[in-house]
Amino acid sequence: MKKFFTIFIIALSFAANSNAEIPPIVTTPGACNSESVMINGVCWAKTNLGASSPTDYGNYYTWEEAKKACPAGWRLPTKKEIESLINSGSVWTTRNGVSGRLFGKAPNQIFLPTAGFHNSSKKVVYAGDTGYYWSSPQSNNGYEYYLYFLSGGASTSYDRRIHYGFSVRPVAK
């Protein structure tokens, strides 16, 4: 009981201080449904754009195409959201014969397949070995961040947005 009153008093003091900054609550009201999963306050689609299942690679997009390809109510994830996804934990795994990484913690997990990427001549390379997924927003120097992963781990990197076609895993607006 003493612990309850101590916490209550601290909460009242915090609320009474008009200069106190209350941390924002991250929510996506009504956005997550049977086609999406909430991980660290972000609602992630269960499939890549252009894919019919979580293990399908889907389509490849340049960064400019990716910005326009997201359907209504969806967008490219930010670099911060991708970093949050990476920090949620991931394991290298195989689903239906497709290699990829499983991000998040059960039951809130998404599988991202190792779709590789389209190189400048539109040839798919590194499929089955690595995954490349675009993020936003646009940088000023002609380079864009993306999620990069392989069997050893996941991270963000950056490259010129005009040269490659990467996968897109959208998030709810």
N, C-alpha and C. Protein backbone atom coordinates (compact mmCIF):
# COMPACT_ATOMS: atom_id res chain seq x y z
N MET A 1 0.82 -1.18 0.00
CA MET A 1 0.00 0.00 0.00
C MET A 1 0.87 1.25 0.00
N LYS A 2 1.98 1.20 0.78
CA LYS A 2 2.89 2.34 0.85
C LYS A 2 3.47 2.63 -0.54
N LYS A 3 3.81 1.57 -1.28
CA LYS A 3 4.38 1.72 -2.63
C LYS A 3 3.38 2.41 -3.56
N PHE A 4 2.09 2.02 -3.45
CA PHE A 4 1.04 2.63 -4.26
C PHE A 4 0.96 4.13 -4.00
N PHE A 5 0.93 4.53 -2.70
CA PHE A 5 0.82 5.94 -2.37
C PHE A 5 2.04 6.73 -2.82
N THR A 6 3.22 6.14 -2.72
CA THR A 6 4.43 6.81 -3.19
C THR A 6 4.34 7.09 -4.69
N ILE A 7 3.94 6.08 -5.45
CA ILE A 7 3.81 6.25 -6.90
C ILE A 7 2.73 7.28 -7.21
N PHE A 8 1.61 7.23 -6.48
CA PHE A 8 0.51 8.17 -6.68
C PHE A 8 0.97 9.60 -6.43
N ILE A 9 1.72 9.82 -5.34
CA ILE A 9 2.22 11.16 -4.99
C ILE A 9 3.19 11.66 -6.06
N ILE A 10 4.06 10.79 -6.53
CA ILE A 10 5.01 11.19 -7.60
C ILE A 10 4.23 11.57 -8.84
N ALA A 11 3.21 10.80 -9.20
CA ALA A 11 2.40 11.10 -10.38
C ALA A 11 1.69 12.44 -10.23
N LEU A 12 1.14 12.71 -9.03
CA LEU A 12 0.47 13.98 -8.80
C LEU A 12 1.45 15.15 -8.89
N SER A 13 2.66 14.99 -8.34
CA SER A 13 3.66 16.06 -8.42
C SER A 13 4.03 16.33 -9.86
N PHE A 14 4.19 15.26 -10.62
CA PHE A 14 4.56 15.40 -12.02
C PHE A 14 3.47 16.15 -12.77
N ALA A 15 2.21 15.74 -12.53
CA ALA A 15 1.08 16.36 -13.22
C ALA A 15 0.91 17.82 -12.81
N ALA A 16 1.22 18.14 -11.56
CA ALA A 16 1.05 19.50 -11.07
C ALA A 16 2.09 20.46 -11.63
N ASN A 17 3.23 19.95 -12.05
CA ASN A 17 4.28 20.79 -12.60
C ASN A 17 3.96 21.13 -14.05
N SER A 18 3.53 22.36 -14.30
CA SER A 18 3.10 22.73 -15.65
C SER A 18 4.25 22.71 -16.66
N ASN A 19 5.49 22.72 -16.19
CA ASN A 19 6.63 22.69 -17.10
C ASN A 19 7.09 21.26 -17.40
N ALA A 20 6.48 20.28 -16.75
CA ALA A 20 6.89 18.89 -16.96
C ALA A 20 6.52 18.44 -18.38
N GLU A 21 7.42 17.73 -18.97
CA GLU A 21 7.17 17.22 -20.32
C GLU A 21 6.71 15.78 -20.22
N ILE A 22 5.52 15.51 -20.68
CA ILE A 22 4.97 14.16 -20.64
C ILE A 22 5.39 13.46 -21.93
N PRO A 23 6.01 12.28 -21.82
CA PRO A 23 6.43 11.59 -23.03
C PRO A 23 5.23 11.21 -23.89
N PRO A 24 5.37 11.29 -25.22
CA PRO A 24 4.24 10.96 -26.09
C PRO A 24 3.93 9.47 -26.04
N ILE A 25 2.66 9.16 -26.19
CA ILE A 25 2.23 7.78 -26.29
C ILE A 25 2.10 7.46 -27.76
N VAL A 26 2.79 6.42 -28.20
CA VAL A 26 2.77 6.05 -29.61
C VAL A 26 1.61 5.09 -29.84
N THR A 27 0.67 5.52 -30.66
CA THR A 27 -0.45 4.66 -31.00
C THR A 27 -0.80 4.81 -32.46
N THR A 28 -1.43 3.83 -32.99
CA THR A 28 -1.93 3.88 -34.35
C THR A 28 -3.38 3.39 -34.27
N PRO A 29 -4.32 4.26 -33.85
CA PRO A 29 -5.68 3.81 -33.62
C PRO A 29 -6.32 3.21 -34.87
N GLY A 30 -6.77 1.98 -34.73
CA GLY A 30 -7.51 1.33 -35.81
C GLY A 30 -6.69 0.95 -37.02
N ALA A 31 -5.39 1.21 -37.00
CA ALA A 31 -4.59 0.95 -38.20
C ALA A 31 -4.20 -0.52 -38.31
N CYS A 32 -3.87 -1.16 -37.22
CA CYS A 32 -3.48 -2.56 -37.29
C CYS A 32 -4.72 -3.42 -37.45
N ASN A 33 -4.65 -4.33 -38.39
CA ASN A 33 -5.74 -5.25 -38.65
C ASN A 33 -5.15 -6.61 -39.01
N SER A 34 -5.89 -7.46 -39.65
CA SER A 34 -5.40 -8.81 -39.97
C SER A 34 -4.25 -8.79 -40.98
N GLU A 35 -4.02 -7.67 -41.64
CA GLU A 35 -2.95 -7.54 -42.63
C GLU A 35 -1.70 -6.90 -42.06
N SER A 36 -1.68 -6.64 -40.74
CA SER A 36 -0.57 -5.91 -40.15
C SER A 36 -0.27 -6.39 -38.74
N VAL A 37 0.91 -5.95 -38.25
CA VAL A 37 1.38 -6.33 -36.92
C VAL A 37 1.99 -5.11 -36.24
N MET A 38 1.65 -4.89 -34.96
CA MET A 38 2.20 -3.79 -34.18
C MET A 38 3.50 -4.23 -33.52
N ILE A 39 4.60 -3.53 -33.84
CA ILE A 39 5.89 -3.78 -33.22
C ILE A 39 6.45 -2.44 -32.76
N ASN A 40 6.69 -2.31 -31.47
CA ASN A 40 7.21 -1.07 -30.87
C ASN A 40 6.41 0.16 -31.28
N GLY A 41 5.09 0.04 -31.28
CA GLY A 41 4.23 1.18 -31.57
C GLY A 41 4.06 1.49 -33.05
N VAL A 42 4.62 0.68 -33.93
CA VAL A 42 4.51 0.89 -35.37
C VAL A 42 3.75 -0.28 -35.97
N CYS A 43 2.80 0.03 -36.83
CA CYS A 43 1.99 -1.00 -37.46
C CYS A 43 2.62 -1.37 -38.82
N TRP A 44 3.22 -2.55 -38.89
CA TRP A 44 3.92 -3.03 -40.08
C TRP A 44 3.02 -3.95 -40.90
N ALA A 45 3.05 -3.81 -42.22
CA ALA A 45 2.32 -4.73 -43.10
C ALA A 45 2.94 -6.12 -42.97
N LYS A 46 2.12 -7.15 -43.12
CA LYS A 46 2.62 -8.53 -43.02
C LYS A 46 3.32 -8.99 -44.29
N THR A 47 3.12 -8.29 -45.41
CA THR A 47 3.75 -8.69 -46.68
C THR A 47 4.42 -7.49 -47.35
N ASN A 48 5.36 -7.80 -48.22
CA ASN A 48 5.99 -6.77 -49.05
C ASN A 48 4.98 -6.27 -50.08
N LEU A 49 5.19 -5.05 -50.57
CA LEU A 49 4.34 -4.55 -51.66
C LEU A 49 4.47 -5.47 -52.86
N GLY A 50 3.34 -5.84 -53.44
CA GLY A 50 3.33 -6.71 -54.61
C GLY A 50 3.40 -8.19 -54.27
N ALA A 51 3.43 -8.53 -52.99
CA ALA A 51 3.52 -9.94 -52.58
C ALA A 51 2.15 -10.45 -52.16
N SER A 52 1.94 -11.76 -52.34
CA SER A 52 0.66 -12.35 -51.93
C SER A 52 0.77 -13.11 -50.61
N SER A 53 2.00 -13.29 -50.11
CA SER A 53 2.20 -13.94 -48.81
C SER A 53 3.46 -13.37 -48.17
N PRO A 54 3.66 -13.59 -46.87
CA PRO A 54 4.84 -13.05 -46.19
C PRO A 54 6.17 -13.58 -46.75
N THR A 55 6.17 -14.72 -47.41
CA THR A 55 7.42 -15.27 -47.95
C THR A 55 7.67 -14.86 -49.40
N ASP A 56 6.68 -14.26 -50.07
CA ASP A 56 6.89 -13.78 -51.44
C ASP A 56 7.76 -12.53 -51.43
N TYR A 57 8.63 -12.41 -52.41
CA TYR A 57 9.51 -11.24 -52.49
C TYR A 57 8.74 -9.96 -52.79
N GLY A 58 7.71 -10.05 -53.60
CA GLY A 58 6.99 -8.84 -54.01
C GLY A 58 7.73 -8.14 -55.13
N ASN A 59 7.44 -6.85 -55.29
CA ASN A 59 8.04 -6.06 -56.37
C ASN A 59 9.28 -5.33 -55.90
N TYR A 60 10.06 -4.87 -56.87
CA TYR A 60 11.25 -4.07 -56.61
C TYR A 60 10.97 -2.65 -57.09
N TYR A 61 11.38 -1.67 -56.27
CA TYR A 61 11.10 -0.28 -56.57
C TYR A 61 12.34 0.58 -56.39
N THR A 62 12.52 1.55 -57.29
CA THR A 62 13.49 2.59 -56.98
C THR A 62 12.90 3.39 -55.82
N TRP A 63 13.70 4.24 -55.22
CA TRP A 63 13.19 5.00 -54.08
C TRP A 63 12.03 5.90 -54.50
N GLU A 64 12.15 6.54 -55.66
CA GLU A 64 11.07 7.42 -56.14
C GLU A 64 9.80 6.61 -56.40
N GLU A 65 9.93 5.42 -56.99
CA GLU A 65 8.76 4.56 -57.22
C GLU A 65 8.16 4.10 -55.90
N ALA A 66 9.01 3.77 -54.94
CA ALA A 66 8.54 3.26 -53.65
C ALA A 66 7.66 4.28 -52.93
N LYS A 67 8.03 5.55 -53.00
CA LYS A 67 7.24 6.59 -52.34
C LYS A 67 5.81 6.63 -52.89
N LYS A 68 5.66 6.37 -54.19
CA LYS A 68 4.35 6.45 -54.84
C LYS A 68 3.60 5.12 -54.80
N ALA A 69 4.29 4.03 -54.51
CA ALA A 69 3.69 2.69 -54.59
C ALA A 69 2.85 2.31 -53.38
N CYS A 70 3.10 2.94 -52.25
CA CYS A 70 2.36 2.58 -51.04
C CYS A 70 0.88 2.90 -51.21
N PRO A 71 0.01 1.95 -50.90
CA PRO A 71 -1.43 2.21 -51.03
C PRO A 71 -1.91 3.22 -49.99
N ALA A 72 -3.13 3.70 -50.18
CA ALA A 72 -3.72 4.67 -49.26
C ALA A 72 -3.68 4.12 -47.83
N GLY A 73 -3.27 4.97 -46.90
CA GLY A 73 -3.18 4.58 -45.49
C GLY A 73 -1.83 3.99 -45.11
N TRP A 74 -0.94 3.83 -46.06
CA TRP A 74 0.38 3.24 -45.83
C TRP A 74 1.46 4.17 -46.36
N ARG A 75 2.69 3.99 -45.85
CA ARG A 75 3.83 4.81 -46.27
C ARG A 75 5.12 4.02 -46.06
N LEU A 76 6.22 4.58 -46.55
CA LEU A 76 7.53 4.00 -46.28
C LEU A 76 7.86 4.23 -44.80
N PRO A 77 8.52 3.27 -44.16
CA PRO A 77 8.94 3.50 -42.77
C PRO A 77 10.09 4.50 -42.71
N THR A 78 10.19 5.22 -41.62
CA THR A 78 11.32 6.13 -41.43
C THR A 78 12.54 5.33 -40.99
N LYS A 79 13.69 5.97 -41.05
CA LYS A 79 14.92 5.33 -40.56
C LYS A 79 14.76 4.97 -39.08
N LYS A 80 14.17 5.87 -38.31
CA LYS A 80 13.96 5.63 -36.88
C LYS A 80 13.06 4.41 -36.66
N GLU A 81 12.01 4.26 -37.47
CA GLU A 81 11.13 3.10 -37.34
C GLU A 81 11.84 1.80 -37.72
N ILE A 82 12.70 1.87 -38.72
CA ILE A 82 13.49 0.68 -39.09
C ILE A 82 14.45 0.33 -37.96
N GLU A 83 15.09 1.34 -37.36
CA GLU A 83 15.99 1.08 -36.24
C GLU A 83 15.23 0.47 -35.07
N SER A 84 14.00 0.93 -34.84
CA SER A 84 13.17 0.36 -33.78
C SER A 84 12.82 -1.09 -34.09
N LEU A 85 12.57 -1.38 -35.35
CA LEU A 85 12.30 -2.77 -35.75
C LEU A 85 13.53 -3.64 -35.50
N ILE A 86 14.69 -3.15 -35.88
CA ILE A 86 15.94 -3.89 -35.64
C ILE A 86 16.13 -4.13 -34.14
N ASN A 87 15.88 -3.09 -33.34
CA ASN A 87 16.06 -3.19 -31.89
C ASN A 87 15.02 -4.09 -31.22
N SER A 88 13.95 -4.43 -31.93
CA SER A 88 12.94 -5.34 -31.37
C SER A 88 13.45 -6.77 -31.33
N GLY A 89 14.59 -7.01 -31.98
CA GLY A 89 15.17 -8.34 -32.02
C GLY A 89 14.81 -9.05 -33.32
N SER A 90 15.71 -9.91 -33.78
CA SER A 90 15.44 -10.67 -34.99
C SER A 90 16.26 -11.95 -34.99
N VAL A 91 15.76 -12.92 -35.72
CA VAL A 91 16.48 -14.18 -35.90
C VAL A 91 16.45 -14.56 -37.38
N TRP A 92 17.52 -15.16 -37.83
CA TRP A 92 17.61 -15.70 -39.19
C TRP A 92 16.81 -17.00 -39.21
N THR A 93 15.96 -17.16 -40.21
CA THR A 93 15.13 -18.35 -40.26
C THR A 93 14.73 -18.66 -41.70
N THR A 94 14.06 -19.76 -41.88
CA THR A 94 13.52 -20.15 -43.18
C THR A 94 12.04 -20.43 -43.01
N ARG A 95 11.24 -19.86 -43.90
CA ARG A 95 9.80 -20.09 -43.91
C ARG A 95 9.41 -20.57 -45.30
N ASN A 96 8.76 -21.70 -45.39
CA ASN A 96 8.33 -22.26 -46.69
C ASN A 96 9.48 -22.28 -47.70
N GLY A 97 10.68 -22.62 -47.22
CA GLY A 97 11.84 -22.70 -48.09
C GLY A 97 12.49 -21.37 -48.44
N VAL A 98 12.02 -20.28 -47.84
CA VAL A 98 12.54 -18.94 -48.13
C VAL A 98 13.32 -18.43 -46.92
N SER A 99 14.57 -18.01 -47.15
CA SER A 99 15.39 -17.45 -46.07
C SER A 99 14.97 -16.01 -45.78
N GLY A 100 15.14 -15.61 -44.53
CA GLY A 100 14.83 -14.24 -44.15
C GLY A 100 15.04 -14.03 -42.68
N ARG A 101 14.59 -12.87 -42.20
CA ARG A 101 14.70 -12.56 -40.77
C ARG A 101 13.30 -12.37 -40.20
N LEU A 102 13.12 -12.90 -39.00
CA LEU A 102 11.89 -12.75 -38.25
C LEU A 102 12.15 -11.68 -37.21
N PHE A 103 11.45 -10.55 -37.34
CA PHE A 103 11.63 -9.40 -36.45
C PHE A 103 10.52 -9.35 -35.42
N GLY A 104 10.84 -8.85 -34.21
CA GLY A 104 9.87 -8.68 -33.15
C GLY A 104 9.90 -9.84 -32.18
N LYS A 105 8.93 -9.82 -31.29
CA LYS A 105 8.79 -10.88 -30.28
C LYS A 105 7.38 -11.43 -30.38
N ALA A 106 7.25 -12.75 -30.23
CA ALA A 106 5.95 -13.41 -30.34
C ALA A 106 4.98 -12.76 -29.36
N PRO A 107 3.77 -12.54 -29.75
CA PRO A 107 3.13 -12.89 -31.02
C PRO A 107 3.26 -11.80 -32.08
N ASN A 108 3.91 -10.69 -31.76
CA ASN A 108 4.02 -9.57 -32.71
C ASN A 108 5.32 -9.66 -33.50
N GLN A 109 5.28 -10.43 -34.57
CA GLN A 109 6.46 -10.65 -35.40
C GLN A 109 6.11 -10.52 -36.88
N ILE A 110 7.11 -10.11 -37.66
CA ILE A 110 6.98 -10.11 -39.11
C ILE A 110 8.19 -10.80 -39.71
N PHE A 111 7.96 -11.50 -40.80
CA PHE A 111 9.02 -12.17 -41.55
C PHE A 111 9.33 -11.32 -42.78
N LEU A 112 10.61 -10.97 -42.95
CA LEU A 112 11.04 -10.26 -44.15
C LEU A 112 11.94 -11.20 -44.96
N PRO A 113 11.51 -11.53 -46.18
CA PRO A 113 12.30 -12.45 -46.99
C PRO A 113 13.54 -11.77 -47.57
N THR A 114 14.54 -12.59 -47.87
CA THR A 114 15.78 -12.10 -48.49
C THR A 114 15.56 -11.98 -49.99
N ALA A 115 14.93 -10.90 -50.38
CA ALA A 115 14.55 -10.69 -51.78
C ALA A 115 15.69 -10.18 -52.65
N GLY A 116 16.84 -9.85 -52.04
CA GLY A 116 17.92 -9.27 -52.83
C GLY A 116 17.50 -7.90 -53.34
N PHE A 117 17.96 -7.52 -54.54
CA PHE A 117 17.57 -6.24 -55.14
C PHE A 117 17.76 -6.29 -56.65
N HIS A 118 17.14 -5.33 -57.34
CA HIS A 118 17.38 -5.13 -58.77
C HIS A 118 18.60 -4.24 -58.90
N ASN A 119 19.59 -4.68 -59.69
CA ASN A 119 20.73 -3.80 -59.91
C ASN A 119 20.38 -2.80 -61.01
N SER A 120 21.32 -1.97 -61.43
CA SER A 120 21.04 -0.92 -62.40
C SER A 120 20.58 -1.46 -63.75
N SER A 121 20.86 -2.72 -64.05
CA SER A 121 20.37 -3.31 -65.31
C SER A 121 19.12 -4.15 -65.08
N LYS A 122 18.45 -3.95 -63.94
CA LYS A 122 17.18 -4.61 -63.58
C LYS A 122 17.30 -6.11 -63.39
N LYS A 123 18.49 -6.59 -63.10
CA LYS A 123 18.70 -8.00 -62.80
C LYS A 123 18.62 -8.19 -61.29
N VAL A 124 17.88 -9.21 -60.84
CA VAL A 124 17.79 -9.49 -59.40
C VAL A 124 19.09 -10.16 -58.95
N VAL A 125 19.70 -9.59 -57.93
CA VAL A 125 20.93 -10.14 -57.38
C VAL A 125 20.79 -10.34 -55.88
N TYR A 126 21.50 -11.31 -55.35
CA TYR A 126 21.57 -11.65 -53.93
C TYR A 126 20.24 -12.13 -53.33
N ALA A 127 19.26 -12.49 -54.16
CA ALA A 127 18.02 -13.05 -53.63
C ALA A 127 18.35 -14.36 -52.91
N GLY A 128 17.78 -14.54 -51.75
CA GLY A 128 18.04 -15.72 -50.94
C GLY A 128 19.18 -15.52 -49.95
N ASP A 129 19.95 -14.42 -50.13
CA ASP A 129 21.09 -14.14 -49.25
C ASP A 129 20.92 -12.88 -48.41
N THR A 130 20.34 -11.83 -49.00
CA THR A 130 20.23 -10.54 -48.32
C THR A 130 18.86 -9.91 -48.57
N GLY A 131 18.49 -9.01 -47.69
CA GLY A 131 17.27 -8.24 -47.86
C GLY A 131 17.59 -6.75 -47.85
N TYR A 132 16.93 -6.02 -48.73
CA TYR A 132 17.09 -4.57 -48.83
C TYR A 132 15.70 -3.96 -48.89
N TYR A 133 15.41 -3.05 -47.95
CA TYR A 133 14.08 -2.45 -47.84
C TYR A 133 14.21 -0.94 -47.67
N TRP A 134 13.53 -0.17 -48.52
CA TRP A 134 13.62 1.29 -48.49
C TRP A 134 13.01 1.89 -47.23
N SER A 135 13.56 3.06 -46.85
CA SER A 135 12.97 3.89 -45.80
C SER A 135 12.76 5.30 -46.36
N SER A 136 12.24 6.19 -45.53
CA SER A 136 12.06 7.59 -45.91
C SER A 136 12.51 8.43 -44.72
N PRO A 137 12.55 9.70 -44.74
CA PRO A 137 12.29 10.61 -45.85
C PRO A 137 13.52 10.82 -46.72
N GLN A 138 13.38 11.64 -47.72
CA GLN A 138 14.45 11.91 -48.66
C GLN A 138 15.57 12.71 -47.99
N SER A 139 16.81 12.34 -48.31
CA SER A 139 17.94 13.12 -47.80
C SER A 139 18.30 14.20 -48.81
N ASN A 140 19.17 15.09 -48.43
CA ASN A 140 19.56 16.18 -49.32
C ASN A 140 20.73 15.84 -50.22
N ASN A 141 21.40 14.73 -49.98
CA ASN A 141 22.62 14.45 -50.72
C ASN A 141 22.47 13.36 -51.78
N GLY A 142 21.24 12.99 -52.13
CA GLY A 142 21.03 11.98 -53.16
C GLY A 142 21.17 10.55 -52.67
N TYR A 143 21.35 10.36 -51.39
CA TYR A 143 21.44 9.03 -50.80
C TYR A 143 20.23 8.80 -49.91
N GLU A 144 19.79 7.55 -49.83
CA GLU A 144 18.65 7.21 -48.99
C GLU A 144 19.01 6.04 -48.08
N TYR A 145 18.41 6.05 -46.90
CA TYR A 145 18.62 4.95 -45.96
C TYR A 145 17.73 3.77 -46.31
N TYR A 146 18.20 2.61 -45.91
CA TYR A 146 17.42 1.39 -46.10
C TYR A 146 17.80 0.37 -45.04
N LEU A 147 16.91 -0.60 -44.85
CA LEU A 147 17.16 -1.74 -43.99
C LEU A 147 17.94 -2.75 -44.80
N TYR A 148 19.01 -3.26 -44.22
CA TYR A 148 19.86 -4.26 -44.86
C TYR A 148 20.03 -5.40 -43.88
N PHE A 149 19.82 -6.64 -44.34
CA PHE A 149 20.06 -7.77 -43.45
C PHE A 149 20.53 -8.99 -44.21
N LEU A 150 21.19 -9.86 -43.47
CA LEU A 150 21.63 -11.16 -43.95
C LEU A 150 21.67 -12.09 -42.76
N SER A 151 22.27 -13.26 -42.91
CA SER A 151 22.22 -14.24 -41.82
C SER A 151 22.90 -13.75 -40.55
N GLY A 152 23.91 -12.87 -40.67
CA GLY A 152 24.66 -12.41 -39.51
C GLY A 152 24.03 -11.27 -38.73
N GLY A 153 22.98 -10.64 -39.25
CA GLY A 153 22.34 -9.54 -38.53
C GLY A 153 21.65 -8.56 -39.46
N ALA A 154 21.18 -7.46 -38.86
CA ALA A 154 20.45 -6.44 -39.60
C ALA A 154 20.95 -5.06 -39.19
N SER A 155 20.93 -4.11 -40.13
CA SER A 155 21.33 -2.74 -39.83
C SER A 155 20.73 -1.81 -40.88
N THR A 156 21.00 -0.51 -40.70
CA THR A 156 20.63 0.44 -41.74
C THR A 156 21.90 0.80 -42.50
N SER A 157 21.71 1.17 -43.74
CA SER A 157 22.80 1.65 -44.57
C SER A 157 22.21 2.70 -45.50
N TYR A 158 22.99 3.21 -46.43
CA TYR A 158 22.46 4.18 -47.38
C TYR A 158 23.16 4.02 -48.72
N ASP A 159 22.47 4.46 -49.77
CA ASP A 159 23.01 4.38 -51.13
C ASP A 159 22.23 5.35 -52.00
N ARG A 160 22.70 5.51 -53.23
CA ARG A 160 22.00 6.38 -54.17
C ARG A 160 20.65 5.78 -54.51
N ARG A 161 19.63 6.59 -54.41
CA ARG A 161 18.27 6.10 -54.61
C ARG A 161 17.93 5.80 -56.06
N ILE A 162 18.68 6.29 -57.02
CA ILE A 162 18.29 6.13 -58.41
C ILE A 162 18.79 4.83 -59.04
N HIS A 163 19.72 4.14 -58.40
CA HIS A 163 20.36 3.00 -59.05
C HIS A 163 19.70 1.66 -58.82
N TYR A 164 19.03 1.47 -57.71
CA TYR A 164 18.61 0.13 -57.33
C TYR A 164 17.11 0.03 -57.10
N GLY A 165 16.62 -1.19 -57.25
CA GLY A 165 15.23 -1.49 -56.92
C GLY A 165 15.23 -2.37 -55.68
N PHE A 166 14.68 -1.86 -54.58
CA PHE A 166 14.61 -2.61 -53.32
C PHE A 166 13.16 -2.98 -53.03
N SER A 167 13.00 -3.86 -52.06
CA SER A 167 11.67 -4.24 -51.58
C SER A 167 11.11 -3.12 -50.72
N VAL A 168 9.79 -3.17 -50.51
CA VAL A 168 9.12 -2.21 -49.64
C VAL A 168 8.22 -2.97 -48.68
N ARG A 169 8.41 -2.71 -47.39
CA ARG A 169 7.51 -3.22 -46.36
C ARG A 169 6.89 -1.98 -45.72
N PRO A 170 5.66 -1.63 -46.10
CA PRO A 170 5.06 -0.37 -45.63
C PRO A 170 4.61 -0.44 -44.17
N VAL A 171 4.41 0.75 -43.61
CA VAL A 171 3.85 0.92 -42.28
C VAL A 171 2.59 1.77 -42.40
N ALA A 172 1.69 1.63 -41.42
CA ALA A 172 0.45 2.41 -41.43
C ALA A 172 0.74 3.86 -41.14
N LYS A 173 -0.02 4.75 -41.78
CA LYS A 173 0.12 6.19 -41.54
C LYS A 173 -0.45 6.54 -40.18
